[in-house]
Amino acid sequence: MNHMALNDEDIKNTLQHPRRSLGNRHRSQAKKFLKLGSEQKNIMWAEQNSKQAILYDFTNPENWRLLVKIKMINGDDIGIKLILEDLFNILGRDKSLLEQLHQINIIESGEKLLEAAFKIDPLDPDKWWDAIKDNEKEIKKFGNRLENLDTRDPRSNILFSRRIEKLKKAGYEDLFLELSRHLLSQNSSNFEVWIELGKLHERREEFDQAWFCYDQAQTHFPKSKSRELFKKRMENKLEGRKSIPWKTPKISQRVEFLRKMEEISNSVIDVEENEVAEKEIGLSEKVEIMINQDRLSEAFFMLRRLAAEGDKEAFILVDKVLELMESE
């Protein structure tokens, strides 16, 4: 059996992230049921397949357009509003704006509202970048907006990670560093960002920081082998040189890195501190409170830090948090 590590393109096509082929397949099925006629059974199957298309690939606007069209056929104004709210959540737009639409006939305006959202905020990162790449003011505005967004929804986190990758490729490396940390503090399971961040640190010869990032990427997506591949590259780089070989960072350095990420995660999310303030509670109870407050990333960084320091309970609990992240 071939146990070769996956390359970057393979990683981008993993199950956690959008599956375009499955999205296209379900959208085609939905269209077939619509063509069969207006019987309720056909419309029901069309809607089910259309929902599956979005579930598998939320990045394709055609999947959203079809579901709104089906909801319009059903006269489902509440359904259309829920679709728009979901899209606004992914795009990081204020859902309360939709409350202003209660006097509008959303059955008639649903498609127009959807198209307006796509025009302002394209789901395709290439179209998004084409719209702002020559406008420094818009790029700065985007950075400021993203720093204030709640991107704990994995879909939103993925969408914005694809956008900041465009910034990195265009030379906005410092902005990429800043924004990537924000995204990871809210959803540490986004291994794509960890890998891109690791590449940048590696190219800058900030090898310890690169290792921290690859370590996180492999923790969330073991098949990437990013940590081992990096160590191999470092060994090859130093072969034949008289310079001091690079060594894996000390535990104290790993702990400090995780502590910083934990602090960032805590600072970007408003929480009820009274529940976990200085009162004496066990680690398991504290983690449960953080999970209930949707503070998964903060809990993850805290547990990995404690596990690195030798806490056996944290070592067990970190797997529980990882499972919760994978199920989102």
C-alpha atoms as a PDB file:
ATOM      1  CA  MET A   1       0.000   0.000   0.000  1.00  0.00           C
ATOM      2  CA  ASN A   2       1.230   3.489  -0.850  1.00  0.00           C
ATOM      3  CA  HIS A   3       1.704   5.629   2.257  1.00  0.00           C
ATOM      4  CA  MET A   4       3.184   8.653   0.505  1.00  0.00           C
ATOM      5  CA  ALA A   5       2.349  12.033   2.031  1.00  0.00           C
ATOM      6  CA  LEU A   6      -0.237  14.142   0.259  1.00  0.00           C
ATOM      7  CA  ASN A   7       0.896  17.145  -1.729  1.00  0.00           C
ATOM      8  CA  ASP A   8      -0.612  20.625  -1.384  1.00  0.00           C
ATOM      9  CA  GLU A   9      -3.213  20.009  -4.099  1.00  0.00           C
ATOM     10  CA  ASP A  10      -4.356  16.788  -2.433  1.00  0.00           C
ATOM     11  CA  ILE A  11      -4.664  18.600   0.884  1.00  0.00           C
ATOM     12  CA  LYS A  12      -6.941  21.236  -0.645  1.00  0.00           C
ATOM     13  CA  ASN A  13      -9.306  18.488  -1.810  1.00  0.00           C
ATOM     14  CA  THR A  14      -9.776  16.735   1.528  1.00  0.00           C
ATOM     15  CA  LEU A  15     -13.141  15.956   3.058  1.00  0.00           C
ATOM     16  CA  GLN A  16     -13.125  18.872   5.478  1.00  0.00           C
ATOM     17  CA  HIS A  17     -13.136  21.375   2.631  1.00  0.00           C
ATOM     18  CA  PRO A  18     -15.477  22.063  -0.313  1.00  0.00           C
ATOM     19  CA  ARG A  19     -16.063  19.080  -2.618  1.00  0.00           C
ATOM     20  CA  ARG A  20     -16.943  20.650  -5.940  1.00  0.00           C
ATOM     21  CA  SER A  21     -17.593  17.401  -7.828  1.00  0.00           C
ATOM     22  CA  LEU A  22     -20.159  16.190  -5.281  1.00  0.00           C
ATOM     23  CA  GLY A  23     -21.759  19.630  -5.205  1.00  0.00           C
ATOM     24  CA  ASN A  24     -22.071  19.600  -9.000  1.00  0.00           C
ATOM     25  CA  ARG A  25     -23.537  16.091  -8.963  1.00  0.00           C
ATOM     26  CA  HIS A  26     -26.278  16.971  -6.475  1.00  0.00           C
ATOM     27  CA  ARG A  27     -27.086  20.210  -8.313  1.00  0.00           C
ATOM     28  CA  SER A  28     -27.497  18.247 -11.572  1.00  0.00           C
ATOM     29  CA  GLN A  29     -29.807  15.809  -9.789  1.00  0.00           C
ATOM     30  CA  ALA A  30     -31.880  18.681  -8.411  1.00  0.00           C
ATOM     31  CA  LYS A  31     -32.284  20.139 -11.910  1.00  0.00           C
ATOM     32  CA  LYS A  32     -33.407  16.754 -13.251  1.00  0.00           C
ATOM     33  CA  PHE A  33     -36.158  16.519 -10.635  1.00  0.00           C
ATOM     34  CA  LEU A  34     -37.307  20.059 -11.474  1.00  0.00           C
ATOM     35  CA  LYS A  35     -37.587  19.116 -15.151  1.00  0.00           C
ATOM     36  CA  LEU A  36     -39.799  16.136 -14.272  1.00  0.00           C
ATOM     37  CA  GLY A  37     -42.633  18.502 -13.401  1.00  0.00           C
ATOM     38  CA  SER A  38     -44.207  20.537 -10.637  1.00  0.00           C
ATOM     39  CA  GLU A  39     -45.526  17.614  -8.577  1.00  0.00           C
ATOM     40  CA  GLN A  40     -44.701  18.074  -4.894  1.00  0.00           C
ATOM     41  CA  LYS A  41     -42.647  14.863  -4.827  1.00  0.00           C
ATOM     42  CA  ASN A  42     -40.356  16.137  -7.590  1.00  0.00           C
ATOM     43  CA  ILE A  43     -39.970  19.524  -5.904  1.00  0.00           C
ATOM     44  CA  MET A  44     -39.164  17.819  -2.592  1.00  0.00           C
ATOM     45  CA  TRP A  45     -36.374  15.704  -4.134  1.00  0.00           C
ATOM     46  CA  ALA A  46     -35.077  18.726  -6.026  1.00  0.00           C
ATOM     47  CA  GLU A  47     -34.863  20.668  -2.760  1.00  0.00           C
ATOM     48  CA  GLN A  48     -33.114  17.819  -0.932  1.00  0.00           C
ATOM     49  CA  ASN A  49     -30.473  17.515  -3.655  1.00  0.00           C
ATOM     50  CA  SER A  50     -30.056  21.271  -3.828  1.00  0.00           C
ATOM     51  CA  LYS A  51     -29.392  21.415  -0.079  1.00  0.00           C
ATOM     52  CA  GLN A  52     -26.828  18.627  -0.459  1.00  0.00           C
ATOM     53  CA  ALA A  53     -25.111  20.607  -3.225  1.00  0.00           C
ATOM     54  CA  ILE A  54     -24.570  23.534  -0.832  1.00  0.00           C
ATOM     55  CA  LEU A  55     -23.520  21.175   1.952  1.00  0.00           C
ATOM     56  CA  TYR A  56     -20.777  19.720  -0.245  1.00  0.00           C
ATOM     57  CA  ASP A  57     -19.742  22.970  -1.931  1.00  0.00           C
ATOM     58  CA  PHE A  58     -20.837  26.260  -0.410  1.00  0.00           C
ATOM     59  CA  THR A  59     -18.343  28.137  -2.629  1.00  0.00           C
ATOM     60  CA  ASN A  60     -20.347  27.674  -5.847  1.00  0.00           C
ATOM     61  CA  PRO A  61     -22.987  30.419  -6.259  1.00  0.00           C
ATOM     62  CA  GLU A  62     -24.971  28.192  -8.654  1.00  0.00           C
ATOM     63  CA  ASN A  63     -25.829  25.912  -5.728  1.00  0.00           C
ATOM     64  CA  TRP A  64     -27.315  28.834  -3.785  1.00  0.00           C
ATOM     65  CA  ARG A  65     -29.189  30.178  -6.820  1.00  0.00           C
ATOM     66  CA  LEU A  66     -30.888  26.851  -7.424  1.00  0.00           C
ATOM     67  CA  LEU A  67     -32.039  26.434  -3.825  1.00  0.00           C
ATOM     68  CA  VAL A  68     -33.508  29.953  -3.756  1.00  0.00           C
ATOM     69  CA  LYS A  69     -35.291  29.217  -7.046  1.00  0.00           C
ATOM     70  CA  ILE A  70     -36.846  26.059  -5.558  1.00  0.00           C
ATOM     71  CA  LYS A  71     -37.902  27.955  -2.419  1.00  0.00           C
ATOM     72  CA  MET A  72     -39.569  30.539  -4.664  1.00  0.00           C
ATOM     73  CA  ILE A  73     -41.473  27.779  -6.479  1.00  0.00           C
ATOM     74  CA  ASN A  74     -42.688  26.571  -3.072  1.00  0.00           C
ATOM     75  CA  GLY A  75     -43.557  30.114  -1.985  1.00  0.00           C
ATOM     76  CA  ASP A  76     -41.349  29.557   1.059  1.00  0.00           C
ATOM     77  CA  ASP A  77     -40.492  33.095   2.170  1.00  0.00           C
ATOM     78  CA  ILE A  78     -39.124  31.925   5.551  1.00  0.00           C
ATOM     79  CA  GLY A  79     -36.896  29.410   3.746  1.00  0.00           C
ATOM     80  CA  ILE A  80     -35.495  32.125   1.463  1.00  0.00           C
ATOM     81  CA  LYS A  81     -34.735  34.330   4.455  1.00  0.00           C
ATOM     82  CA  LEU A  82     -32.923  31.462   6.205  1.00  0.00           C
ATOM     83  CA  ILE A  83     -30.827  30.830   3.083  1.00  0.00           C
ATOM     84  CA  LEU A  84     -29.849  34.501   2.896  1.00  0.00           C
ATOM     85  CA  GLU A  85     -29.033  34.548   6.624  1.00  0.00           C
ATOM     86  CA  ASP A  86     -26.796  31.509   6.178  1.00  0.00           C
ATOM     87  CA  LEU A  87     -25.017  33.132   3.244  1.00  0.00           C
ATOM     88  CA  PHE A  88     -24.590  36.387   5.167  1.00  0.00           C
ATOM     89  CA  ASN A  89     -23.057  34.407   8.021  1.00  0.00           C
ATOM     90  CA  ILE A  90     -20.479  32.819   5.694  1.00  0.00           C
ATOM     91  CA  LEU A  91     -19.672  36.182   4.087  1.00  0.00           C
ATOM     92  CA  GLY A  92     -19.321  37.833   7.476  1.00  0.00           C
ATOM     93  CA  ARG A  93     -22.170  40.217   6.761  1.00  0.00           C
ATOM     94  CA  ASP A  94     -24.550  41.555   9.419  1.00  0.00           C
ATOM     95  CA  LYS A  95     -27.617  39.276   9.460  1.00  0.00           C
ATOM     96  CA  SER A  96     -29.596  42.015  11.191  1.00  0.00           C
ATOM     97  CA  LEU A  97     -29.679  43.798   7.819  1.00  0.00           C
ATOM     98  CA  LEU A  98     -32.209  41.191   6.744  1.00  0.00           C
ATOM     99  CA  GLU A  99     -34.572  42.382   9.474  1.00  0.00           C
ATOM    100  CA  GLN A 100     -35.038  45.531   7.409  1.00  0.00           C
ATOM    101  CA  LEU A 101     -36.572  43.400   4.670  1.00  0.00           C
ATOM    102  CA  HIS A 102     -39.671  42.298   6.594  1.00  0.00           C
ATOM    103  CA  GLN A 103     -41.873  44.706   4.615  1.00  0.00           C
ATOM    104  CA  ILE A 104     -40.467  43.565   1.280  1.00  0.00           C
ATOM    105  CA  ASN A 105     -41.986  40.700  -0.704  1.00  0.00           C
ATOM    106  CA  ILE A 106     -39.030  38.349  -0.318  1.00  0.00           C
ATOM    107  CA  ILE A 107     -40.531  35.854  -2.781  1.00  0.00           C
ATOM    108  CA  GLU A 108     -40.201  38.480  -5.518  1.00  0.00           C
ATOM    109  CA  SER A 109     -36.918  39.964  -4.258  1.00  0.00           C
ATOM    110  CA  GLY A 110     -35.078  36.806  -3.126  1.00  0.00           C
ATOM    111  CA  GLU A 111     -33.053  36.331  -6.302  1.00  0.00           C
ATOM    112  CA  LYS A 112     -32.171  40.041  -6.517  1.00  0.00           C
ATOM    113  CA  LEU A 113     -30.921  40.041  -2.916  1.00  0.00           C
ATOM    114  CA  LEU A 114     -28.848  36.926  -3.581  1.00  0.00           C
ATOM    115  CA  GLU A 115     -27.258  38.431  -6.699  1.00  0.00           C
ATOM    116  CA  ALA A 116     -26.544  41.677  -4.850  1.00  0.00           C
ATOM    117  CA  ALA A 117     -24.719  39.706  -2.140  1.00  0.00           C
ATOM    118  CA  PHE A 118     -22.625  37.851  -4.742  1.00  0.00           C
ATOM    119  CA  LYS A 119     -21.794  41.090  -6.565  1.00  0.00           C
ATOM    120  CA  ILE A 120     -20.600  42.835  -3.397  1.00  0.00           C
ATOM    121  CA  ASP A 121     -18.878  39.756  -1.966  1.00  0.00           C
ATOM    122  CA  PRO A 122     -18.046  37.034  -4.551  1.00  0.00           C
ATOM    123  CA  LEU A 123     -17.667  33.523  -3.156  1.00  0.00           C
ATOM    124  CA  ASP A 124     -14.940  32.818  -5.729  1.00  0.00           C
ATOM    125  CA  PRO A 125     -11.610  34.103  -4.280  1.00  0.00           C
ATOM    126  CA  ASP A 126     -10.296  34.900  -7.777  1.00  0.00           C
ATOM    127  CA  LYS A 127     -13.285  37.133  -8.570  1.00  0.00           C
ATOM    128  CA  TRP A 128     -13.022  38.728  -5.128  1.00  0.00           C
ATOM    129  CA  TRP A 129      -9.325  39.496  -5.647  1.00  0.00           C
ATOM    130  CA  ASP A 130      -9.841  40.834  -9.179  1.00  0.00           C
ATOM    131  CA  ALA A 131     -12.297  43.357  -7.728  1.00  0.00           C
ATOM    132  CA  ILE A 132      -9.916  44.819  -5.119  1.00  0.00           C
ATOM    133  CA  LYS A 133      -6.338  43.979  -6.167  1.00  0.00           C
ATOM    134  CA  ASP A 134      -5.597  47.437  -7.586  1.00  0.00           C
ATOM    135  CA  ASN A 135      -7.212  49.329  -4.730  1.00  0.00           C
ATOM    136  CA  GLU A 136      -5.013  49.789  -1.648  1.00  0.00           C
ATOM    137  CA  LYS A 137      -7.854  51.475   0.207  1.00  0.00           C
ATOM    138  CA  GLU A 138     -10.149  48.468  -0.297  1.00  0.00           C
ATOM    139  CA  ILE A 139      -7.409  46.034   0.735  1.00  0.00           C
ATOM    140  CA  LYS A 140      -6.856  47.958   3.968  1.00  0.00           C
ATOM    141  CA  LYS A 141     -10.622  48.147   4.504  1.00  0.00           C
ATOM    142  CA  PHE A 142     -10.861  44.370   4.058  1.00  0.00           C
ATOM    143  CA  GLY A 143      -8.126  43.780   6.638  1.00  0.00           C
ATOM    144  CA  ASN A 144      -9.824  46.029   9.180  1.00  0.00           C
ATOM    145  CA  ARG A 145     -13.198  44.361   8.598  1.00  0.00           C
ATOM    146  CA  LEU A 146     -11.839  40.828   8.904  1.00  0.00           C
ATOM    147  CA  GLU A 147     -10.143  41.605  12.223  1.00  0.00           C
ATOM    148  CA  ASN A 148     -13.573  42.402  13.673  1.00  0.00           C
ATOM    149  CA  LEU A 149     -15.444  39.431  12.191  1.00  0.00           C
ATOM    150  CA  ASP A 150     -16.558  36.296  13.959  1.00  0.00           C
ATOM    151  CA  THR A 151     -15.333  33.512  11.663  1.00  0.00           C
ATOM    152  CA  ARG A 152     -15.887  30.543  13.967  1.00  0.00           C
ATOM    153  CA  ASP A 153     -18.203  29.034  11.335  1.00  0.00           C
ATOM    154  CA  PRO A 154     -15.755  26.695   9.498  1.00  0.00           C
ATOM    155  CA  ARG A 155     -17.183  27.727   6.113  1.00  0.00           C
ATOM    156  CA  SER A 156     -16.576  31.404   6.822  1.00  0.00           C
ATOM    157  CA  ASN A 157     -13.088  30.619   8.079  1.00  0.00           C
ATOM    158  CA  ILE A 158     -12.275  28.675   4.913  1.00  0.00           C
ATOM    159  CA  LEU A 159     -13.712  31.395   2.662  1.00  0.00           C
ATOM    160  CA  PHE A 160     -11.591  34.108   4.262  1.00  0.00           C
ATOM    161  CA  SER A 161      -8.497  31.901   4.372  1.00  0.00           C
ATOM    162  CA  ARG A 162      -8.713  31.542   0.576  1.00  0.00           C
ATOM    163  CA  ARG A 163      -8.940  35.325   0.314  1.00  0.00           C
ATOM    164  CA  ILE A 164      -5.924  36.066   2.507  1.00  0.00           C
ATOM    165  CA  GLU A 165      -3.948  33.521   0.488  1.00  0.00           C
ATOM    166  CA  LYS A 166      -4.444  35.895  -2.453  1.00  0.00           C
ATOM    167  CA  LEU A 167      -2.983  38.683  -0.311  1.00  0.00           C
ATOM    168  CA  LYS A 168       0.084  36.584   0.466  1.00  0.00           C
ATOM    169  CA  LYS A 169       0.689  35.725  -3.185  1.00  0.00           C
ATOM    170  CA  ALA A 170       0.398  39.418  -4.098  1.00  0.00           C
ATOM    171  CA  GLY A 171       3.125  40.348  -1.605  1.00  0.00           C
ATOM    172  CA  TYR A 172       1.022  41.480   1.366  1.00  0.00           C
ATOM    173  CA  GLU A 173       2.880  39.087   3.646  1.00  0.00           C
ATOM    174  CA  ASP A 174       2.678  41.081   6.872  1.00  0.00           C
ATOM    175  CA  LEU A 175      -1.065  41.556   6.435  1.00  0.00           C
ATOM    176  CA  PHE A 176      -1.393  37.834   5.723  1.00  0.00           C
ATOM    177  CA  LEU A 177       0.481  37.014   8.946  1.00  0.00           C
ATOM    178  CA  GLU A 178      -1.779  39.269  10.971  1.00  0.00           C
ATOM    179  CA  LEU A 179      -5.052  38.051   9.444  1.00  0.00           C
ATOM    180  CA  SER A 180      -4.103  34.374   9.445  1.00  0.00           C
ATOM    181  CA  ARG A 181      -3.534  34.477  13.199  1.00  0.00           C
ATOM    182  CA  HIS A 182      -6.980  36.026  13.599  1.00  0.00           C
ATOM    183  CA  LEU A 183      -8.611  33.234  11.564  1.00  0.00           C
ATOM    184  CA  LEU A 184      -6.711  30.503  13.403  1.00  0.00           C
ATOM    185  CA  SER A 185      -7.541  31.949  16.792  1.00  0.00           C
ATOM    186  CA  GLN A 186     -11.219  31.503  15.923  1.00  0.00           C
ATOM    187  CA  ASN A 187     -10.955  28.143  14.160  1.00  0.00           C
ATOM    188  CA  SER A 188      -7.672  26.371  14.793  1.00  0.00           C
ATOM    189  CA  SER A 189      -8.737  23.341  12.709  1.00  0.00           C
ATOM    190  CA  ASN A 190      -8.211  25.200   9.407  1.00  0.00           C
ATOM    191  CA  PHE A 191      -5.070  23.292   8.432  1.00  0.00           C
ATOM    192  CA  GLU A 192      -4.803  25.113   5.079  1.00  0.00           C
ATOM    193  CA  VAL A 193      -3.933  28.336   6.896  1.00  0.00           C
ATOM    194  CA  TRP A 194      -1.436  26.590   9.184  1.00  0.00           C
ATOM    195  CA  ILE A 195       0.360  25.177   6.140  1.00  0.00           C
ATOM    196  CA  GLU A 196       0.430  28.516   4.277  1.00  0.00           C
ATOM    197  CA  LEU A 197       1.648  30.254   7.440  1.00  0.00           C
ATOM    198  CA  GLY A 198       4.317  27.578   7.860  1.00  0.00           C
ATOM    199  CA  LYS A 199       5.502  28.074   4.277  1.00  0.00           C
ATOM    200  CA  LEU A 200       5.884  31.802   4.823  1.00  0.00           C
ATOM    201  CA  HIS A 201       7.871  31.371   8.042  1.00  0.00           C
ATOM    202  CA  GLU A 202      10.011  28.707   6.365  1.00  0.00           C
ATOM    203  CA  ARG A 203      10.805  30.966   3.409  1.00  0.00           C
ATOM    204  CA  ARG A 204      11.753  33.726   5.856  1.00  0.00           C
ATOM    205  CA  GLU A 205      14.000  31.187   7.628  1.00  0.00           C
ATOM    206  CA  GLU A 206      11.958  31.531  10.818  1.00  0.00           C
ATOM    207  CA  PHE A 207      12.249  27.798  11.256  1.00  0.00           C
ATOM    208  CA  ASP A 208      10.885  27.398  14.791  1.00  0.00           C
ATOM    209  CA  GLN A 209       7.742  29.330  13.874  1.00  0.00           C
ATOM    210  CA  ALA A 210       7.413  27.242  10.703  1.00  0.00           C
ATOM    211  CA  TRP A 211       7.627  24.037  12.747  1.00  0.00           C
ATOM    212  CA  PHE A 212       4.929  25.252  15.166  1.00  0.00           C
ATOM    213  CA  CYS A 213       2.587  25.867  12.212  1.00  0.00           C
ATOM    214  CA  TYR A 214       3.294  22.541  10.502  1.00  0.00           C
ATOM    215  CA  ASP A 215       2.845  20.791  13.849  1.00  0.00           C
ATOM    216  CA  GLN A 216      -0.627  22.335  14.205  1.00  0.00           C
ATOM    217  CA  ALA A 217      -1.510  21.452  10.597  1.00  0.00           C
ATOM    218  CA  GLN A 218      -0.575  17.805  11.109  1.00  0.00           C
ATOM    219  CA  THR A 219      -2.437  17.663  14.419  1.00  0.00           C
ATOM    220  CA  HIS A 220      -5.669  18.613  12.627  1.00  0.00           C
ATOM    221  CA  PHE A 221      -4.916  16.750   9.397  1.00  0.00           C
ATOM    222  CA  PRO A 222      -2.446  13.897  10.049  1.00  0.00           C
ATOM    223  CA  LYS A 223      -2.373  12.789   6.392  1.00  0.00           C
ATOM    224  CA  SER A 224      -0.577  16.000   5.432  1.00  0.00           C
ATOM    225  CA  LYS A 225       2.648  14.814   7.147  1.00  0.00           C
ATOM    226  CA  SER A 226       3.590  18.500   7.060  1.00  0.00           C
ATOM    227  CA  ARG A 227       5.699  18.303  10.217  1.00  0.00           C
ATOM    228  CA  GLU A 228       7.753  15.301   9.014  1.00  0.00           C
ATOM    229  CA  LEU A 229       8.180  16.751   5.526  1.00  0.00           C
ATOM    230  CA  PHE A 230       9.479  19.990   7.021  1.00  0.00           C
ATOM    231  CA  LYS A 231      12.002  18.130   9.206  1.00  0.00           C
ATOM    232  CA  LYS A 232      13.175  16.214   6.126  1.00  0.00           C
ATOM    233  CA  ARG A 233      13.636  19.450   4.176  1.00  0.00           C
ATOM    234  CA  MET A 234      15.647  20.886   7.051  1.00  0.00           C
ATOM    235  CA  GLU A 235      17.881  17.805   7.138  1.00  0.00           C
ATOM    236  CA  ASN A 236      18.476  18.037   3.388  1.00  0.00           C
ATOM    237  CA  LYS A 237      19.126  21.780   3.620  1.00  0.00           C
ATOM    238  CA  LEU A 238      21.864  21.328   6.222  1.00  0.00           C
ATOM    239  CA  GLU A 239      23.571  18.291   4.691  1.00  0.00           C
ATOM    240  CA  GLY A 240      27.190  19.079   3.900  1.00  0.00           C
ATOM    241  CA  ARG A 241      27.068  22.400   5.741  1.00  0.00           C
ATOM    242  CA  LYS A 242      29.237  23.191   8.732  1.00  0.00           C
ATOM    243  CA  SER A 243      26.524  25.299  10.296  1.00  0.00           C
ATOM    244  CA  ILE A 244      24.726  24.220  13.470  1.00  0.00           C
ATOM    245  CA  PRO A 245      21.863  21.841  12.526  1.00  0.00           C
ATOM    246  CA  TRP A 246      18.303  22.935  13.261  1.00  0.00           C
ATOM    247  CA  LYS A 247      16.621  21.190  16.184  1.00  0.00           C
ATOM    248  CA  THR A 248      12.950  20.786  17.043  1.00  0.00           C
ATOM    249  CA  PRO A 249      11.876  23.623  19.398  1.00  0.00           C
ATOM    250  CA  LYS A 250      12.067  22.937  23.127  1.00  0.00           C
ATOM    251  CA  ILE A 251       8.891  22.153  25.059  1.00  0.00           C
ATOM    252  CA  SER A 252       9.105  25.554  26.770  1.00  0.00           C
ATOM    253  CA  GLN A 253       9.033  27.247  23.343  1.00  0.00           C
ATOM    254  CA  ARG A 254       6.055  25.167  22.229  1.00  0.00           C
ATOM    255  CA  VAL A 255       4.237  26.041  25.448  1.00  0.00           C
ATOM    256  CA  GLU A 256       4.879  29.756  24.883  1.00  0.00           C
ATOM    257  CA  PHE A 257       3.591  29.557  21.284  1.00  0.00           C
ATOM    258  CA  LEU A 258       0.401  27.774  22.408  1.00  0.00           C
ATOM    259  CA  ARG A 259      -0.060  30.245  25.252  1.00  0.00           C
ATOM    260  CA  LYS A 260       0.058  33.164  22.791  1.00  0.00           C
ATOM    261  CA  MET A 261      -2.493  31.510  20.493  1.00  0.00           C
ATOM    262  CA  GLU A 262      -4.694  30.808  23.511  1.00  0.00           C
ATOM    263  CA  GLU A 263      -4.540  34.485  24.511  1.00  0.00           C
ATOM    264  CA  ILE A 264      -5.434  35.626  20.979  1.00  0.00           C
ATOM    265  CA  SER A 265      -8.379  33.203  20.903  1.00  0.00           C
ATOM    266  CA  ASN A 266      -9.616  34.601  24.207  1.00  0.00           C
ATOM    267  CA  SER A 267      -9.237  38.228  23.137  1.00  0.00           C
ATOM    268  CA  VAL A 268     -11.267  38.011  19.913  1.00  0.00           C
ATOM    269  CA  ILE A 269     -14.391  36.454  21.442  1.00  0.00           C
ATOM    270  CA  ASP A 270     -16.629  38.126  24.014  1.00  0.00           C
ATOM    271  CA  VAL A 271     -17.288  35.628  26.800  1.00  0.00           C
ATOM    272  CA  GLU A 272     -18.906  35.452  30.209  1.00  0.00           C
ATOM    273  CA  GLU A 273     -15.709  35.449  32.232  1.00  0.00           C
ATOM    274  CA  ASN A 274     -17.592  35.021  35.516  1.00  0.00           C
ATOM    275  CA  GLU A 275     -18.126  31.345  34.779  1.00  0.00           C
ATOM    276  CA  VAL A 276     -14.446  30.508  34.399  1.00  0.00           C
ATOM    277  CA  ALA A 277     -12.932  33.252  36.521  1.00  0.00           C
ATOM    278  CA  GLU A 278     -10.657  32.522  39.396  1.00  0.00           C
ATOM    279  CA  LYS A 279     -12.994  30.065  41.099  1.00  0.00           C
ATOM    280  CA  GLU A 280     -11.703  26.568  41.760  1.00  0.00           C
ATOM    281  CA  ILE A 281     -13.054  24.210  39.102  1.00  0.00           C
ATOM    282  CA  GLY A 282     -11.552  21.127  37.507  1.00  0.00           C
ATOM    283  CA  LEU A 283      -9.970  21.151  34.053  1.00  0.00           C
ATOM    284  CA  SER A 284     -12.712  18.969  32.587  1.00  0.00           C
ATOM    285  CA  GLU A 285     -15.419  21.334  33.894  1.00  0.00           C
ATOM    286  CA  LYS A 286     -13.562  24.372  32.588  1.00  0.00           C
ATOM    287  CA  VAL A 287     -13.272  22.789  29.133  1.00  0.00           C
ATOM    288  CA  GLU A 288     -17.002  21.928  29.192  1.00  0.00           C
ATOM    289  CA  ILE A 289     -17.853  25.571  29.936  1.00  0.00           C
ATOM    290  CA  MET A 290     -15.593  26.753  27.092  1.00  0.00           C
ATOM    291  CA  ILE A 291     -17.204  24.283  24.685  1.00  0.00           C
ATOM    292  CA  ASN A 292     -20.682  25.500  25.678  1.00  0.00           C
ATOM    293  CA  GLN A 293     -19.526  29.077  25.020  1.00  0.00           C
ATOM    294  CA  ASP A 294     -18.313  28.041  21.539  1.00  0.00           C
ATOM    295  CA  ARG A 295     -14.681  28.657  22.519  1.00  0.00           C
ATOM    296  CA  LEU A 296     -13.306  25.479  20.946  1.00  0.00           C
ATOM    297  CA  SER A 297     -10.097  26.988  19.584  1.00  0.00           C
ATOM    298  CA  GLU A 298      -9.193  28.567  22.905  1.00  0.00           C
ATOM    299  CA  ALA A 299      -9.862  25.252  24.679  1.00  0.00           C
ATOM    300  CA  PHE A 300      -7.738  23.428  22.108  1.00  0.00           C
ATOM    301  CA  PHE A 301      -4.709  25.709  22.525  1.00  0.00           C
ATOM    302  CA  MET A 302      -5.023  25.610  26.318  1.00  0.00           C
ATOM    303  CA  LEU A 303      -5.161  21.802  26.382  1.00  0.00           C
ATOM    304  CA  ARG A 304      -2.243  21.380  23.982  1.00  0.00           C
ATOM    305  CA  ARG A 305      -0.205  23.765  26.134  1.00  0.00           C
ATOM    306  CA  LEU A 306      -1.047  21.854  29.320  1.00  0.00           C
ATOM    307  CA  ALA A 307      -0.380  18.522  27.599  1.00  0.00           C
ATOM    308  CA  ALA A 308       3.034  19.804  26.492  1.00  0.00           C
ATOM    309  CA  GLU A 309       3.700  20.679  30.130  1.00  0.00           C
ATOM    310  CA  GLY A 310       2.918  17.075  31.112  1.00  0.00           C
ATOM    311  CA  ASP A 311      -0.728  17.290  32.226  1.00  0.00           C
ATOM    312  CA  LYS A 312      -2.170  13.797  31.584  1.00  0.00           C
ATOM    313  CA  GLU A 313      -5.814  14.902  31.839  1.00  0.00           C
ATOM    314  CA  ALA A 314      -5.208  17.595  29.212  1.00  0.00           C
ATOM    315  CA  PHE A 315      -3.648  14.978  26.931  1.00  0.00           C
ATOM    316  CA  ILE A 316      -6.924  12.994  27.053  1.00  0.00           C
ATOM    317  CA  LEU A 317      -9.234  16.014  26.784  1.00  0.00           C
ATOM    318  CA  VAL A 318      -7.467  17.460  23.721  1.00  0.00           C
ATOM    319  CA  ASP A 319      -8.640  14.442  21.687  1.00  0.00           C
ATOM    320  CA  LYS A 320     -12.240  15.158  22.728  1.00  0.00           C
ATOM    321  CA  VAL A 321     -11.949  18.766  21.523  1.00  0.00           C
ATOM    322  CA  LEU A 322     -10.338  17.620  18.259  1.00  0.00           C
ATOM    323  CA  GLU A 323     -13.282  15.268  17.640  1.00  0.00           C
ATOM    324  CA  LEU A 324     -15.722  18.137  18.200  1.00  0.00           C
ATOM    325  CA  MET A 325     -13.802  20.309  15.731  1.00  0.00           C
ATOM    326  CA  GLU A 326     -13.814  17.570  13.104  1.00  0.00           C
ATOM    327  CA  SER A 327     -17.584  17.068  13.486  1.00  0.00           C
ATOM    328  CA  GLU A 328     -18.396  20.741  12.787  1.00  0.00           C
END
